[in-house]
PDB file of N, CA and C in Angstrom:
ATOM      1  N   UNK A   1       8.884  37.895 -15.008  1.00  0.00           N
ATOM      2  CA  UNK A   1       9.607  36.837 -15.814  1.00  0.00           C
ATOM      3  C   UNK A   1       9.463  35.581 -14.735  1.00  0.00           C
ATOM      4  N   UNK A   2       9.902  35.983 -13.456  1.00  0.00           N
ATOM      5  CA  UNK A   2       9.888  34.775 -12.532  1.00  0.00           C
ATOM      6  C   UNK A   2       8.508  34.371 -12.298  1.00  0.00           C
ATOM      7  N   UNK A   3       7.391  35.339 -12.244  1.00  0.00           N
ATOM      8  CA  UNK A   3       6.071  34.845 -12.106  1.00  0.00           C
ATOM      9  C   UNK A   3       5.630  33.880 -12.986  1.00  0.00           C
ATOM     10  N   UNK A   4       6.185  34.345 -14.203  1.00  0.00           N
ATOM     11  CA  UNK A   4       5.771  33.392 -15.505  1.00  0.00           C
ATOM     12  C   UNK A   4       6.173  31.992 -15.487  1.00  0.00           C
ATOM     13  N   UNK A   5       7.419  31.878 -14.879  1.00  0.00           N
ATOM     14  CA  UNK A   5       7.991  30.718 -14.624  1.00  0.00           C
ATOM     15  C   UNK A   5       7.334  29.799 -13.580  1.00  0.00           C
ATOM     16  N   UNK A   6       6.768  30.553 -12.677  1.00  0.00           N
ATOM     17  CA  UNK A   6       6.011  29.829 -11.384  1.00  0.00           C
ATOM     18  C   UNK A   6       4.558  29.533 -12.038  1.00  0.00           C
ATOM     19  N   UNK A   7       4.056  30.194 -12.738  1.00  0.00           N
ATOM     20  CA  UNK A   7       2.661  29.964 -13.653  1.00  0.00           C
ATOM     21  C   UNK A   7       2.950  28.721 -14.378  1.00  0.00           C
ATOM     22  N   UNK A   8       3.972  28.540 -15.034  1.00  0.00           N
ATOM     23  CA  UNK A   8       4.177  27.499 -16.067  1.00  0.00           C
ATOM     24  C   UNK A   8       4.423  26.119 -15.064  1.00  0.00           C
ATOM     25  N   UNK A   9       5.383  26.296 -14.281  1.00  0.00           N
ATOM     26  CA  UNK A   9       5.503  25.220 -13.362  1.00  0.00           C
ATOM     27  C   UNK A   9       4.166  24.671 -12.482  1.00  0.00           C
ATOM     28  N   UNK A  10       3.330  25.461 -12.185  1.00  0.00           N
ATOM     29  CA  UNK A  10       2.024  25.325 -11.301  1.00  0.00           C
ATOM     30  C   UNK A  10       1.164  24.770 -12.347  1.00  0.00           C
ATOM     31  N   UNK A  11       1.087  25.373 -13.698  1.00  0.00           N
ATOM     32  CA  UNK A  11       0.149  24.925 -14.590  1.00  0.00           C
ATOM     33  C   UNK A  11       0.656  23.382 -14.826  1.00  0.00           C
ATOM     34  N   UNK A  12       1.725  23.108 -15.148  1.00  0.00           N
ATOM     35  CA  UNK A  12       2.183  21.945 -15.694  1.00  0.00           C
ATOM     36  C   UNK A  12       1.908  20.655 -14.493  1.00  0.00           C
ATOM     37  N   UNK A  13       2.162  21.017 -13.456  1.00  0.00           N
ATOM     38  CA  UNK A  13       1.890  20.332 -12.141  1.00  0.00           C
ATOM     39  C   UNK A  13       0.433  19.970 -12.070  1.00  0.00           C
ATOM     40  N   UNK A  14      -0.470  20.843 -12.060  1.00  0.00           N
ATOM     41  CA  UNK A  14      -1.842  20.643 -12.179  1.00  0.00           C
ATOM     42  C   UNK A  14      -2.349  19.664 -13.138  1.00  0.00           C
ATOM     43  N   UNK A  15      -1.897  20.010 -14.304  1.00  0.00           N
ATOM     44  CA  UNK A  15      -2.150  18.893 -15.740  1.00  0.00           C
ATOM     45  C   UNK A  15      -1.650  17.650 -15.399  1.00  0.00           C
ATOM     46  N   UNK A  16      -0.675  17.560 -14.648  1.00  0.00           N
ATOM     47  CA  UNK A  16      -0.140  16.222 -14.446  1.00  0.00           C
ATOM     48  C   UNK A  16      -0.975  15.634 -13.120  1.00  0.00           C
ATOM     49  N   UNK A  17      -1.471  16.289 -12.510  1.00  0.00           N
ATOM     50  CA  UNK A  17      -2.203  15.748 -11.376  1.00  0.00           C
ATOM     51  C   UNK A  17      -3.615  15.176 -11.998  1.00  0.00           C
ATOM     52  N   UNK A  18      -4.228  16.024 -12.776  1.00  0.00           N
ATOM     53  CA  UNK A  18      -5.582  15.839 -13.633  1.00  0.00           C
ATOM     54  C   UNK A  18      -5.240  14.441 -14.272  1.00  0.00           C
ATOM     55  N   UNK A  19      -4.268  14.183 -14.875  1.00  0.00           N
ATOM     56  CA  UNK A  19      -4.104  13.120 -16.017  1.00  0.00           C
ATOM     57  C   UNK A  19      -3.896  11.811 -14.878  1.00  0.00           C
ATOM     58  N   UNK A  20      -3.096  12.044 -13.940  1.00  0.00           N
ATOM     59  CA  UNK A  20      -3.105  10.904 -12.866  1.00  0.00           C
ATOM     60  C   UNK A  20      -4.362  10.542 -12.513  1.00  0.00           C
ATOM     61  N   UNK A  21      -5.005  11.320 -12.014  1.00  0.00           N
ATOM     62  CA  UNK A  21      -6.470  11.164 -11.597  1.00  0.00           C
ATOM     63  C   UNK A  21      -7.293  10.445 -12.510  1.00  0.00           C
ATOM     64  N   UNK A  22      -7.249  11.013 -13.771  1.00  0.00           N
ATOM     65  CA  UNK A  22      -8.115  10.111 -14.912  1.00  0.00           C
ATOM     66  C   UNK A  22      -7.368   8.694 -14.803  1.00  0.00           C
ATOM     67  N   UNK A  23      -6.389   8.661 -14.844  1.00  0.00           N
ATOM     68  CA  UNK A  23      -5.697   7.327 -15.084  1.00  0.00           C
ATOM     69  C   UNK A  23      -6.004   6.294 -13.946  1.00  0.00           C
ATOM     70  N   UNK A  24      -5.855   6.761 -12.754  1.00  0.00           N
ATOM     71  CA  UNK A  24      -6.305   6.132 -11.446  1.00  0.00           C
ATOM     72  C   UNK A  24      -8.027   5.511 -11.779  1.00  0.00           C
ATOM     73  N   UNK A  25      -8.622   6.592 -12.114  1.00  0.00           N
ATOM     74  CA  UNK A  25     -10.069   6.342 -12.286  1.00  0.00           C
ATOM     75  C   UNK A  25     -10.149   5.005 -13.467  1.00  0.00           C
ATOM     76  N   UNK A  26      -9.733   5.273 -14.335  1.00  0.00           N
ATOM     77  CA  UNK A  26      -9.765   4.127 -15.537  1.00  0.00           C
ATOM     78  C   UNK A  26      -9.371   2.905 -14.656  1.00  0.00           C
ATOM     79  N   UNK A  27      -8.278   2.882 -14.010  1.00  0.00           N
ATOM     80  CA  UNK A  27      -7.636   1.683 -13.424  1.00  0.00           C
ATOM     81  C   UNK A  27      -8.772   1.017 -12.379  1.00  0.00           C
ATOM     82  N   UNK A  28      -9.382   2.008 -11.766  1.00  0.00           N
ATOM     83  CA  UNK A  28     -10.198   1.581 -10.715  1.00  0.00           C
ATOM     84  C   UNK A  28     -11.512   0.888 -11.224  1.00  0.00           C
ATOM     85  N   UNK A  29     -12.016   1.563 -12.483  1.00  0.00           N
ATOM     86  CA  UNK A  29     -13.370   1.236 -13.131  1.00  0.00           C
ATOM     87  C   UNK A  29     -13.066  -0.344 -13.447  1.00  0.00           C
ATOM     88  N   UNK A  30     -11.983  -0.682 -13.967  1.00  0.00           N
ATOM     89  CA  UNK A  30     -11.583  -1.943 -14.686  1.00  0.00           C
ATOM     90  C   UNK A  30     -11.580  -3.083 -13.526  1.00  0.00           C
TER      91      UNK A  30
END
């Protein structure tokens, strides 16, 4: 169960980083 919580936290963190990267790319393109 602890490993599952770690996986969820890491997964959400990776998704957030990817979203931030995409947003920064869109802002830099403009």
